[in-house]
Amino acid sequence: MQTPVNGRLHKGLVLAIACAAVVLLTVDLTVLHLAIPKLISDLDPSATQILWIADIYGFVLAGLLITMGSVGDRIGRKKLLLIGTVGFAGASLLTAYAPNAEILIVARVLLGAAGATIMPSTLSILRNVFTDPKERTAAIGLWSGMSASGFVLGPIIGGALLNNFWWGSVFLINIPILLVLFIAALLVLPESRNPRPGRLDWPSVVLSTGGVIGLVYAVKEAAHGGVDQPKVWATALVGGAALAVFVMRQTKLTHPLIDVRLFRRAAFSGAVCANLFAMFAMVAQSLIFSQYFQLVLGWSPLKAGLAGLPGAAASAVGGGALAAPLITAIGRGRTVGLGLGLGAVGLALYTTAGMESNYLMLVVAMVPVGVGFGMAFAVTGDTVLATVPKERAGSGAAISETAMEVGGALGIAVLGSALNSAYTAGLDVPEGVPASAVPAIEDSIAAAMQVAASLPADLAAQVVEASRHAFVDAFHLSALVAAGVMGLVAVASLVSLRNVPKVIEEEEPGDEPVEPLPTTR
């Protein structure tokens, strides 16, 4: 079932709604980190509760994407988005006024569940509205660029609100935006669904949700406390086993939650992998940049957020303006390879960052990273969705976004761990620091700054200087590791996507197994 969309204006409004929704979701992934100090003061959560408050939104969002994508295919993507918008508004209100840490954790769970209904709905609606290949690529590219901009806008919005209001304001601001979004979606968005979806397989729901949450939890716990923790290995094994059983079950169902046979296609599997590793570098870069701007250069959260705007704008240009014509000119594989290669060059240029501000040089590095990743996300996202029949667009979108969530978690774990290890190894703790304070100083630059505040002025200045030097050196190493990974993925994308057609033809409706793509452009 597909409600028709008439005219450029109607399509433009659909795209605007989809972009606004995804920006709101990505802002909520980052905005809480700025609010945590005030939140701790008001609610007095334990250290464990702080971790759950920060991470549970992402866990639930990642775990439910596959399920909600399939639900949208069944009940209608517009209907699911409207339900999710109402749910997100209610959960935002509960989060803003949570009286204690326990209620706040529950509210964040509800936010993640609502977010999982919105994210695949927006992308699958675009897949059904923009049927012309060039328009579809440009639309998905702009959507990807706006999604990336949410990581930059989060600190800007959060910093502006927290300078004047209490911590709950960063969630309360969602409600008027969601009200406008709901009315616009109700009036503008077309409805589409799979006309023959089959029954929802609940064991598959449990297996996919548990498997993804288990793996993401294991990765994040490894980043927080190291890979030698028993709970890391236990949850990784349980999550991996659940996903293995899930995959086997999908091959035996008449109406699977996702069609795992799609991974036999080089176009689909190559695009999903490129998405995962591009997000691996981008999220870790955002985390490291936030610390560099605020803790090394001493900028406010608002100024640090504003500093990232050139990268966000470049991402929107790369995805929305450059990706579609480059596909026509050089093909999908070369466009992704070029984008990731540009990203690798930009990441390597971050090694020019030093102890003093050289913002112009950082912009020179930021722009190729933004343009390159914007191009790559646009082409890979478009390739995934174009490879999937329209009636299964929700499932296809969910697979792509789940890969990005897992990639983001891996980036924070791997590059974050590399950063922390290099920081500790390169730190020269000044003489005279109390032995009890050394472990905290060696733990992170943020902890070192807190310790320095309690030391005599001369010694505090030495601790700050040593920790800043160690962090900058560690930042350089992490940037080079990320650049190396992106270079390898660029080469892999050239190989895996080399035979993908410039124009991927629409699949015919139906539930038959997919056939391989043509091997010529």
Protein backbone atom coordinates (compact mmCIF):
# COMPACT_ATOMS: atom_id res chain seq x y z
CA MET A 1 0.00 0.00 0.00
CA GLN A 2 1.39 3.43 -0.99
CA THR A 3 -0.28 6.83 -0.65
CA PRO A 4 0.72 8.95 -3.67
CA VAL A 5 2.96 12.00 -3.31
CA ASN A 6 2.37 14.82 -5.78
CA GLY A 7 4.81 17.55 -6.75
CA ARG A 8 8.20 18.86 -5.66
CA LEU A 9 6.77 20.87 -2.77
CA HIS A 10 5.15 17.79 -1.25
CA LYS A 11 8.37 15.80 -1.59
CA GLY A 12 10.34 18.69 -0.10
CA LEU A 13 8.06 18.81 2.93
CA VAL A 14 8.40 15.04 3.41
CA LEU A 15 12.19 15.38 3.32
CA ALA A 16 12.10 18.30 5.78
CA ILE A 17 10.02 16.27 8.27
CA ALA A 18 12.32 13.24 7.97
CA CYS A 19 15.41 15.40 8.51
CA ALA A 20 13.91 17.23 11.49
CA ALA A 21 12.99 13.93 13.13
CA VAL A 22 16.44 12.38 12.74
CA VAL A 23 18.18 15.55 13.98
CA LEU A 24 16.06 15.42 17.14
CA LEU A 25 17.08 11.79 17.75
CA THR A 26 20.81 12.37 17.27
CA VAL A 27 20.72 15.50 19.42
CA ASP A 28 19.29 13.37 22.24
CA LEU A 29 22.21 10.95 21.89
CA THR A 30 24.70 13.67 22.85
CA VAL A 31 22.87 16.36 24.80
CA LEU A 32 22.71 14.40 28.07
CA HIS A 33 26.49 14.35 28.51
CA LEU A 34 26.53 18.11 29.14
CA ALA A 35 23.67 17.83 31.64
CA ILE A 36 25.26 15.10 33.77
CA PRO A 37 27.10 17.44 36.23
CA LYS A 38 23.89 19.31 37.12
CA LEU A 39 21.92 16.07 37.10
CA ILE A 40 24.34 14.52 39.60
CA SER A 41 23.93 17.53 41.87
CA ASP A 42 20.11 17.27 41.84
CA LEU A 43 19.48 13.49 41.85
CA ASP A 44 22.68 12.15 43.49
CA PRO A 45 22.85 8.95 41.39
CA SER A 46 25.42 6.25 42.08
CA ALA A 47 28.32 5.71 39.66
CA THR A 48 26.54 2.70 38.18
CA GLN A 49 23.31 4.65 37.76
CA ILE A 50 25.20 7.44 35.94
CA LEU A 51 26.48 4.91 33.41
CA TRP A 52 22.98 3.50 32.87
CA ILE A 53 21.47 6.97 32.55
CA ALA A 54 24.03 7.84 29.87
CA ASP A 55 23.97 4.55 27.93
CA ILE A 56 20.54 2.96 28.22
CA TYR A 57 18.97 5.20 25.55
CA GLY A 58 21.49 3.98 22.96
CA PHE A 59 21.16 0.34 24.09
CA VAL A 60 17.39 0.26 23.67
CA LEU A 61 17.47 2.28 20.45
CA ALA A 62 19.97 -0.10 18.85
CA GLY A 63 18.23 -3.23 20.14
CA LEU A 64 14.77 -2.34 18.83
CA LEU A 65 15.64 -0.92 15.41
CA ILE A 66 15.26 -4.23 13.56
CA THR A 67 11.96 -4.99 15.25
CA MET A 68 10.50 -1.53 14.71
CA GLY A 69 11.59 -1.44 11.09
CA SER A 70 9.67 -4.65 10.50
CA VAL A 71 6.67 -3.36 12.49
CA GLY A 72 6.59 -0.25 10.30
CA ASP A 73 6.50 -2.44 7.19
CA ARG A 74 3.50 -4.20 8.68
CA ILE A 75 1.33 -1.46 10.22
CA GLY A 76 2.48 1.49 8.12
CA ARG A 77 5.56 3.69 8.42
CA LYS A 78 3.62 6.92 8.90
CA LYS A 79 1.49 5.36 11.63
CA LEU A 80 4.56 4.05 13.44
CA LEU A 81 6.29 7.43 13.19
CA LEU A 82 3.23 9.18 14.66
CA ILE A 83 3.09 6.67 17.50
CA GLY A 84 6.80 7.15 18.12
CA THR A 85 6.49 10.94 18.12
CA VAL A 86 3.82 10.83 20.82
CA GLY A 87 5.87 8.31 22.80
CA PHE A 88 9.03 10.40 22.50
CA ALA A 89 7.20 13.50 23.74
CA GLY A 90 5.81 11.64 26.75
CA ALA A 91 9.18 10.10 27.58
CA SER A 92 10.88 13.52 27.23
CA LEU A 93 8.44 15.00 29.74
CA LEU A 94 9.06 12.13 32.17
CA THR A 95 12.83 12.50 31.72
CA ALA A 96 12.78 16.25 32.32
CA TYR A 97 10.88 15.93 35.61
CA ALA A 98 12.30 12.60 36.85
CA PRO A 99 12.39 12.86 40.66
CA ASN A 100 15.15 10.28 41.12
CA ALA A 101 17.73 8.24 39.21
CA GLU A 102 15.52 5.14 38.97
CA ILE A 103 12.68 7.01 37.22
CA LEU A 104 15.20 8.75 34.97
CA ILE A 105 16.59 5.39 33.82
CA VAL A 106 13.06 4.16 33.04
CA ALA A 107 12.36 7.38 31.13
CA ARG A 108 15.54 6.92 29.08
CA VAL A 109 14.43 3.37 28.24
CA LEU A 110 11.13 4.74 26.94
CA LEU A 111 13.01 7.41 24.95
CA GLY A 112 15.11 4.72 23.29
CA ALA A 113 12.05 2.62 22.43
CA ALA A 114 10.28 5.64 20.92
CA GLY A 115 13.40 6.65 19.02
CA ALA A 116 13.61 3.17 17.52
CA THR A 117 10.15 3.66 15.99
CA ILE A 118 11.03 7.03 14.44
CA MET A 119 14.46 6.42 12.92
CA PRO A 120 13.71 3.58 10.45
CA SER A 121 10.32 5.11 9.66
CA THR A 122 11.89 8.32 8.33
CA LEU A 123 14.34 6.54 6.07
CA SER A 124 11.84 3.99 4.74
CA ILE A 125 9.34 6.79 3.98
CA LEU A 126 12.03 8.52 1.91
CA ARG A 127 12.67 5.24 0.08
CA ASN A 128 9.01 5.07 -0.91
CA VAL A 129 8.58 8.75 -1.79
CA PHE A 130 11.75 9.38 -3.80
CA THR A 131 11.56 6.74 -6.52
CA ASP A 132 13.83 8.52 -9.02
CA PRO A 133 17.37 7.21 -8.29
CA LYS A 134 19.09 10.61 -8.39
CA GLU A 135 16.41 12.26 -6.22
CA ARG A 136 16.52 9.34 -3.80
CA THR A 137 20.31 9.53 -3.43
CA ALA A 138 20.18 13.30 -2.84
CA ALA A 139 17.35 12.95 -0.31
CA ILE A 140 19.08 10.19 1.63
CA GLY A 141 22.33 12.15 1.45
CA LEU A 142 20.73 15.21 3.01
CA TRP A 143 19.07 12.98 5.63
CA SER A 144 22.49 11.49 6.46
CA GLY A 145 24.08 14.93 6.65
CA MET A 146 21.38 16.20 8.99
CA SER A 147 21.78 13.09 11.12
CA ALA A 148 25.49 13.87 11.47
CA SER A 149 24.73 17.50 12.30
CA GLY A 150 22.72 16.36 15.32
CA PHE A 151 25.97 15.29 17.00
CA VAL A 152 27.20 18.89 16.63
CA LEU A 153 23.91 20.57 17.51
CA GLY A 154 23.52 18.56 20.72
CA PRO A 155 26.31 20.37 22.59
CA ILE A 156 25.24 23.74 21.14
CA ILE A 157 21.60 23.37 22.22
CA GLY A 158 22.55 21.78 25.52
CA GLY A 159 25.14 24.43 26.31
CA ALA A 160 22.72 27.28 25.55
CA LEU A 161 19.96 25.79 27.70
CA LEU A 162 22.18 24.75 30.62
CA ASN A 163 23.64 28.24 30.83
CA ASN A 164 20.18 29.51 31.79
CA PHE A 165 17.98 26.60 32.97
CA TRP A 166 18.03 23.34 34.95
CA TRP A 167 19.21 20.05 33.44
CA GLY A 168 15.68 18.89 32.52
CA SER A 169 15.36 21.74 30.02
CA VAL A 170 17.47 19.83 27.48
CA PHE A 171 14.63 17.28 27.27
CA LEU A 172 11.68 19.60 27.80
CA ILE A 173 12.64 21.52 24.65
CA ASN A 174 11.75 18.36 22.67
CA ILE A 175 8.03 18.71 23.37
CA PRO A 176 7.10 21.81 21.31
CA ILE A 177 9.31 20.53 18.48
CA LEU A 178 7.59 17.15 18.58
CA LEU A 179 4.16 18.79 18.59
CA VAL A 180 4.98 20.65 15.37
CA LEU A 181 6.53 17.49 13.92
CA PHE A 182 3.43 15.42 14.75
CA ILE A 183 1.03 17.88 13.11
CA ALA A 184 3.24 18.22 10.03
CA ALA A 185 3.66 14.44 9.73
CA LEU A 186 -0.08 13.87 10.13
CA LEU A 187 -0.89 16.32 7.33
CA VAL A 188 2.01 15.78 4.93
CA LEU A 189 3.49 12.30 5.13
CA PRO A 190 2.19 9.55 2.85
CA GLU A 191 1.33 6.13 4.24
CA SER A 192 3.09 3.03 2.96
CA ARG A 193 3.31 -0.55 4.14
CA ASN A 194 4.03 -4.04 2.91
CA PRO A 195 0.76 -5.37 1.41
CA ARG A 196 1.71 -8.95 2.36
CA PRO A 197 3.77 -8.70 5.53
CA GLY A 198 2.90 -12.00 7.21
CA ARG A 199 2.81 -12.52 10.97
CA LEU A 200 5.36 -10.92 13.26
CA ASP A 201 7.63 -13.66 14.62
CA TRP A 202 8.01 -12.90 18.34
CA PRO A 203 10.93 -15.28 18.99
CA SER A 204 12.83 -13.35 16.31
CA VAL A 205 11.97 -10.10 18.10
CA VAL A 206 13.41 -11.42 21.37
CA LEU A 207 16.53 -12.84 19.69
CA SER A 208 17.34 -9.72 17.67
CA THR A 209 16.72 -7.33 20.56
CA GLY A 210 18.69 -9.39 23.07
CA GLY A 211 21.50 -10.06 20.62
CA VAL A 212 22.09 -6.45 19.61
CA ILE A 213 21.76 -5.10 23.17
CA GLY A 214 24.11 -7.82 24.44
CA LEU A 215 26.82 -6.98 21.93
CA VAL A 216 26.50 -3.20 22.30
CA TYR A 217 26.52 -3.53 26.10
CA ALA A 218 29.66 -5.70 25.96
CA VAL A 219 31.45 -3.20 23.73
CA LYS A 220 30.55 -0.22 25.92
CA GLU A 221 31.46 -2.02 29.15
CA ALA A 222 34.80 -2.98 27.61
CA ALA A 223 35.38 0.70 26.89
CA HIS A 224 34.48 1.69 30.47
CA GLY A 225 36.28 -1.02 32.43
CA GLY A 226 38.43 -3.09 30.06
CA VAL A 227 37.96 -6.32 28.11
CA ASP A 228 39.04 -8.56 30.98
CA GLN A 229 35.75 -8.17 32.87
CA PRO A 230 33.71 -11.42 33.10
CA LYS A 231 30.47 -9.54 32.34
CA VAL A 232 31.95 -8.29 29.06
CA TRP A 233 32.69 -11.79 27.81
CA ALA A 234 29.42 -13.20 29.18
CA THR A 235 27.23 -10.59 27.49
CA ALA A 236 29.24 -10.78 24.26
CA LEU A 237 28.79 -14.56 24.12
CA VAL A 238 25.09 -14.37 24.93
CA GLY A 239 24.55 -11.58 22.41
CA GLY A 240 26.53 -13.35 19.70
CA ALA A 241 24.72 -16.63 20.30
CA ALA A 242 21.31 -14.91 20.19
CA LEU A 243 22.16 -13.25 16.86
CA ALA A 244 23.45 -16.53 15.44
CA VAL A 245 20.18 -18.27 16.34
CA PHE A 246 18.28 -15.27 14.98
CA VAL A 247 20.02 -15.52 11.60
CA MET A 248 19.37 -19.26 11.37
CA ARG A 249 15.72 -18.74 12.25
CA GLN A 250 15.28 -16.09 9.55
CA THR A 251 16.36 -18.54 6.86
CA LYS A 252 13.55 -20.92 7.86
CA LEU A 253 10.65 -18.46 8.15
CA THR A 254 8.21 -17.71 5.34
CA HIS A 255 7.97 -14.10 6.56
CA PRO A 256 11.27 -13.33 8.34
CA LEU A 257 11.89 -10.22 10.42
CA ILE A 258 14.73 -9.43 8.00
CA ASP A 259 15.74 -11.22 4.81
CA VAL A 260 19.29 -12.30 5.67
CA ARG A 261 19.73 -13.49 2.08
CA LEU A 262 20.27 -9.83 1.22
CA PHE A 263 23.74 -10.14 2.72
CA ARG A 264 24.68 -12.38 -0.21
CA ARG A 265 24.62 -9.24 -2.33
CA ALA A 266 27.92 -7.40 -2.52
CA ALA A 267 26.00 -4.14 -2.80
CA PHE A 268 24.06 -4.70 0.41
CA SER A 269 26.77 -6.24 2.60
CA GLY A 270 29.48 -3.88 1.34
CA ALA A 271 27.31 -0.82 1.99
CA VAL A 272 26.34 -1.99 5.48
CA CYS A 273 29.98 -2.64 6.42
CA ALA A 274 31.08 0.74 5.07
CA ASN A 275 28.33 2.39 7.14
CA LEU A 276 29.49 0.59 10.27
CA PHE A 277 33.13 1.60 9.97
CA ALA A 278 32.43 5.17 8.89
CA MET A 279 30.32 5.65 12.02
CA PHE A 280 33.16 3.96 13.96
CA ALA A 281 35.42 6.91 13.14
CA MET A 282 32.83 9.69 13.20
CA VAL A 283 31.40 9.08 16.68
CA ALA A 284 34.81 8.60 18.27
CA GLN A 285 36.00 11.80 16.58
CA SER A 286 33.04 13.68 18.09
CA LEU A 287 33.86 12.38 21.56
CA ILE A 288 37.58 13.21 21.30
CA PHE A 289 36.92 16.65 19.82
CA SER A 290 34.60 17.56 22.67
CA GLN A 291 37.35 16.79 25.19
CA TYR A 292 40.02 18.55 23.15
CA PHE A 293 38.09 21.78 22.77
CA GLN A 294 36.92 21.94 26.37
CA LEU A 295 39.77 20.40 28.38
CA VAL A 296 42.84 21.29 26.32
CA LEU A 297 41.80 24.62 24.80
CA GLY A 298 39.51 25.55 27.71
CA TRP A 299 36.49 26.43 25.58
CA SER A 300 32.94 26.41 26.93
CA PRO A 301 30.57 23.61 25.81
CA LEU A 302 28.68 26.12 23.66
CA LYS A 303 31.82 27.38 21.94
CA ALA A 304 33.05 23.81 21.46
CA GLY A 305 29.74 22.87 19.84
CA LEU A 306 29.80 25.89 17.53
CA ALA A 307 33.34 24.99 16.50
CA GLY A 308 32.05 21.78 14.91
CA LEU A 309 29.55 23.51 12.63
CA PRO A 310 31.84 23.62 9.54
CA GLY A 311 32.14 19.84 9.67
CA ALA A 312 28.37 19.41 9.94
CA ALA A 313 27.78 21.78 7.02
CA ALA A 314 30.40 19.97 4.94
CA SER A 315 28.67 16.66 5.67
CA ALA A 316 25.35 18.02 4.41
CA VAL A 317 27.05 19.28 1.23
CA GLY A 318 28.84 15.98 0.63
CA GLY A 319 25.71 13.93 1.08
CA GLY A 320 23.05 16.22 -0.33
CA ALA A 321 24.87 17.91 -3.24
CA LEU A 322 27.88 15.85 -4.29
CA ALA A 323 26.96 12.18 -3.87
CA ALA A 324 24.33 11.88 -6.63
CA PRO A 325 26.36 13.54 -9.44
CA LEU A 326 29.48 11.60 -8.41
CA ILE A 327 27.59 8.30 -8.70
CA THR A 328 26.69 9.26 -12.27
CA ALA A 329 30.25 10.31 -13.04
CA ILE A 330 32.37 7.61 -11.41
CA GLY A 331 30.02 4.96 -9.96
CA ARG A 332 28.99 3.95 -6.46
CA GLY A 333 32.10 2.06 -5.41
CA ARG A 334 34.48 4.84 -6.42
CA THR A 335 32.28 7.48 -4.77
CA VAL A 336 32.30 5.61 -1.45
CA GLY A 337 36.03 4.95 -1.77
CA LEU A 338 36.68 8.61 -2.54
CA GLY A 339 34.52 9.74 0.39
CA LEU A 340 36.21 7.47 2.90
CA GLY A 341 39.61 8.37 1.46
CA LEU A 342 38.85 12.08 1.98
CA GLY A 343 37.76 11.24 5.52
CA ALA A 344 41.06 9.43 6.14
CA VAL A 345 43.04 12.46 4.91
CA GLY A 346 41.05 14.80 7.15
CA LEU A 347 41.52 12.54 10.17
CA ALA A 348 45.28 12.45 9.54
CA LEU A 349 45.31 16.27 9.40
CA TYR A 350 43.97 16.36 12.97
CA THR A 351 47.53 15.57 14.05
CA THR A 352 48.24 19.27 13.45
CA ALA A 353 46.14 20.08 16.54
CA GLY A 354 48.34 21.30 19.35
CA MET A 355 48.28 22.81 22.80
CA GLU A 356 47.25 26.20 21.47
CA SER A 357 44.22 27.00 19.34
CA ASN A 358 44.76 26.86 15.56
CA TYR A 359 41.12 26.76 14.55
CA LEU A 360 41.73 27.50 10.86
CA MET A 361 43.85 24.36 10.55
CA LEU A 362 41.17 22.35 12.34
CA VAL A 363 38.59 23.60 9.83
CA VAL A 364 40.94 22.53 7.02
CA ALA A 365 40.85 19.03 8.53
CA MET A 366 37.14 19.12 9.40
CA VAL A 367 35.91 19.89 5.89
CA PRO A 368 37.29 16.80 4.08
CA VAL A 369 36.10 14.62 6.96
CA GLY A 370 32.60 16.09 6.71
CA VAL A 371 32.41 16.03 2.92
CA GLY A 372 33.88 12.55 2.68
CA PHE A 373 31.72 10.93 5.33
CA GLY A 374 28.65 12.75 3.99
CA MET A 375 29.29 11.28 0.52
CA ALA A 376 29.93 7.81 1.91
CA PHE A 377 26.85 7.73 4.15
CA ALA A 378 24.65 9.02 1.34
CA VAL A 379 25.77 6.38 -1.17
CA THR A 380 25.84 3.46 1.23
CA GLY A 381 22.46 4.36 2.75
CA ASP A 382 20.96 4.76 -0.71
CA THR A 383 22.52 1.48 -1.88
CA VAL A 384 21.10 -0.45 1.07
CA LEU A 385 17.60 0.93 0.56
CA ALA A 386 17.65 0.61 -3.24
CA THR A 387 18.70 -3.04 -2.89
CA VAL A 388 15.70 -3.85 -0.70
CA PRO A 389 12.19 -4.12 -2.20
CA LYS A 390 10.07 -1.09 -1.29
CA GLU A 391 7.64 -3.11 0.78
CA ARG A 392 10.56 -4.12 3.06
CA ALA A 393 12.08 -0.64 3.25
CA GLY A 394 11.63 -0.46 7.03
CA SER A 395 13.64 -3.64 7.57
CA GLY A 396 16.36 -2.45 5.21
CA ALA A 397 16.59 0.93 6.95
CA ALA A 398 16.75 -0.79 10.33
CA ILE A 399 19.66 -3.00 9.27
CA SER A 400 21.62 0.02 8.04
CA GLU A 401 20.94 2.01 11.20
CA THR A 402 21.70 -0.92 13.50
CA ALA A 403 25.09 -1.25 11.79
CA MET A 404 25.69 2.45 12.42
CA GLU A 405 24.75 2.12 16.10
CA VAL A 406 27.10 -0.85 16.51
CA GLY A 407 29.82 1.04 14.64
CA GLY A 408 29.42 4.02 16.94
CA ALA A 409 29.73 1.81 20.01
CA LEU A 410 32.82 0.12 18.56
CA GLY A 411 34.38 3.48 17.75
CA ILE A 412 33.95 4.75 21.29
CA ALA A 413 35.27 1.46 22.68
CA VAL A 414 38.26 0.92 20.39
CA LEU A 415 39.40 4.48 19.69
CA GLY A 416 38.40 5.61 23.17
CA SER A 417 40.47 2.80 24.69
CA ALA A 418 43.40 3.66 22.40
CA LEU A 419 43.13 7.28 23.49
CA ASN A 420 43.03 6.40 27.19
CA SER A 421 45.91 3.91 26.93
CA ALA A 422 48.09 6.35 25.01
CA TYR A 423 47.23 9.12 27.49
CA THR A 424 48.24 6.99 30.48
CA ALA A 425 51.42 5.74 28.80
CA GLY A 426 52.49 9.23 27.74
CA LEU A 427 51.65 11.02 30.99
CA ASP A 428 54.57 12.24 33.13
CA VAL A 429 53.04 12.87 36.55
CA PRO A 430 54.87 15.79 38.22
CA GLU A 431 56.83 15.20 41.40
CA GLY A 432 55.06 16.18 44.58
CA VAL A 433 51.62 14.87 43.58
CA PRO A 434 50.13 12.83 46.47
CA ALA A 435 50.25 9.10 45.74
CA SER A 436 46.50 8.83 46.33
CA ALA A 437 45.84 11.30 43.50
CA VAL A 438 48.03 9.62 40.88
CA PRO A 439 45.51 6.93 39.74
CA ALA A 440 42.86 9.57 39.03
CA ILE A 441 45.33 11.77 37.12
CA GLU A 442 46.39 8.75 35.04
CA ASP A 443 42.79 7.74 34.37
CA SER A 444 41.75 10.62 32.09
CA ILE A 445 42.35 14.28 31.39
CA ALA A 446 38.95 15.13 32.89
CA ALA A 447 39.89 13.42 36.18
CA ALA A 448 43.30 15.11 36.12
CA MET A 449 41.62 18.52 35.85
CA GLN A 450 39.41 17.72 38.83
CA VAL A 451 42.40 16.62 40.92
CA ALA A 452 44.35 19.73 39.90
CA ALA A 453 41.60 21.95 41.31
CA SER A 454 42.39 20.65 44.80
CA LEU A 455 46.19 21.02 44.59
CA PRO A 456 48.42 24.03 45.34
CA ALA A 457 48.56 26.46 42.43
CA ASP A 458 52.09 25.67 41.17
CA LEU A 459 51.58 21.91 41.36
CA ALA A 460 48.10 22.20 39.82
CA ALA A 461 49.55 24.08 36.83
CA GLN A 462 52.13 21.32 36.32
CA VAL A 463 49.43 18.61 36.44
CA VAL A 464 47.25 20.50 33.96
CA GLU A 465 50.16 21.03 31.58
CA ALA A 466 51.29 17.38 31.76
CA SER A 467 47.78 16.02 31.23
CA ARG A 468 47.14 18.37 28.29
CA HIS A 469 50.39 17.30 26.61
CA ALA A 470 49.59 13.61 27.14
CA PHE A 471 46.05 14.04 25.81
CA VAL A 472 47.16 15.87 22.65
CA ASP A 473 49.69 13.12 21.89
CA ALA A 474 47.00 10.49 22.50
CA PHE A 475 44.57 12.45 20.31
CA HIS A 476 47.11 12.34 17.47
CA LEU A 477 47.52 8.57 17.83
CA SER A 478 43.75 7.98 17.85
CA ALA A 479 43.32 10.18 14.77
CA LEU A 480 45.98 8.21 12.92
CA VAL A 481 44.39 4.89 13.92
CA ALA A 482 41.00 6.14 12.69
CA ALA A 483 42.60 7.41 9.47
CA GLY A 484 44.24 4.03 8.90
CA VAL A 485 40.96 2.19 9.44
CA MET A 486 39.15 4.52 7.03
CA GLY A 487 41.88 4.04 4.43
CA LEU A 488 41.48 0.26 4.62
CA VAL A 489 37.68 0.51 4.44
CA ALA A 490 38.00 2.83 1.43
CA VAL A 491 40.00 0.17 -0.42
CA ALA A 492 37.57 -2.56 0.70
CA SER A 493 34.63 -0.49 -0.56
CA LEU A 494 36.28 -0.08 -3.97
CA VAL A 495 36.44 -3.86 -4.20
CA SER A 496 33.09 -4.84 -2.67
CA LEU A 497 31.06 -2.17 -4.50
CA ARG A 498 32.97 -2.14 -7.80
CA ASN A 499 30.27 -3.95 -9.79
CA VAL A 500 27.24 -2.26 -8.26
CA PRO A 501 25.24 -0.45 -10.97
CA LYS A 502 25.07 3.33 -10.95
CA VAL A 503 21.29 3.02 -11.17
CA ILE A 504 19.77 0.21 -9.10
CA GLU A 505 16.44 -0.80 -10.55
CA GLU A 506 13.34 -1.07 -8.37
CA GLU A 507 12.55 -4.54 -7.06
CA GLU A 508 9.21 -6.04 -7.92
CA PRO A 509 6.86 -6.47 -4.92
CA GLY A 510 6.69 -9.89 -3.41
CA ASP A 511 8.19 -12.18 -0.83
CA GLU A 512 10.32 -14.32 -3.11
CA PRO A 513 14.05 -14.59 -2.43
CA VAL A 514 16.06 -11.77 -3.91
CA GLU A 515 18.19 -12.43 -6.98
CA PRO A 516 21.79 -11.23 -7.37
CA LEU A 517 22.37 -7.75 -8.74
CA PRO A 518 23.70 -7.29 -12.28
CA THR A 519 27.50 -7.36 -12.37
CA THR A 520 27.95 -4.53 -14.87
CA ARG A 521 27.38 -0.84 -14.50
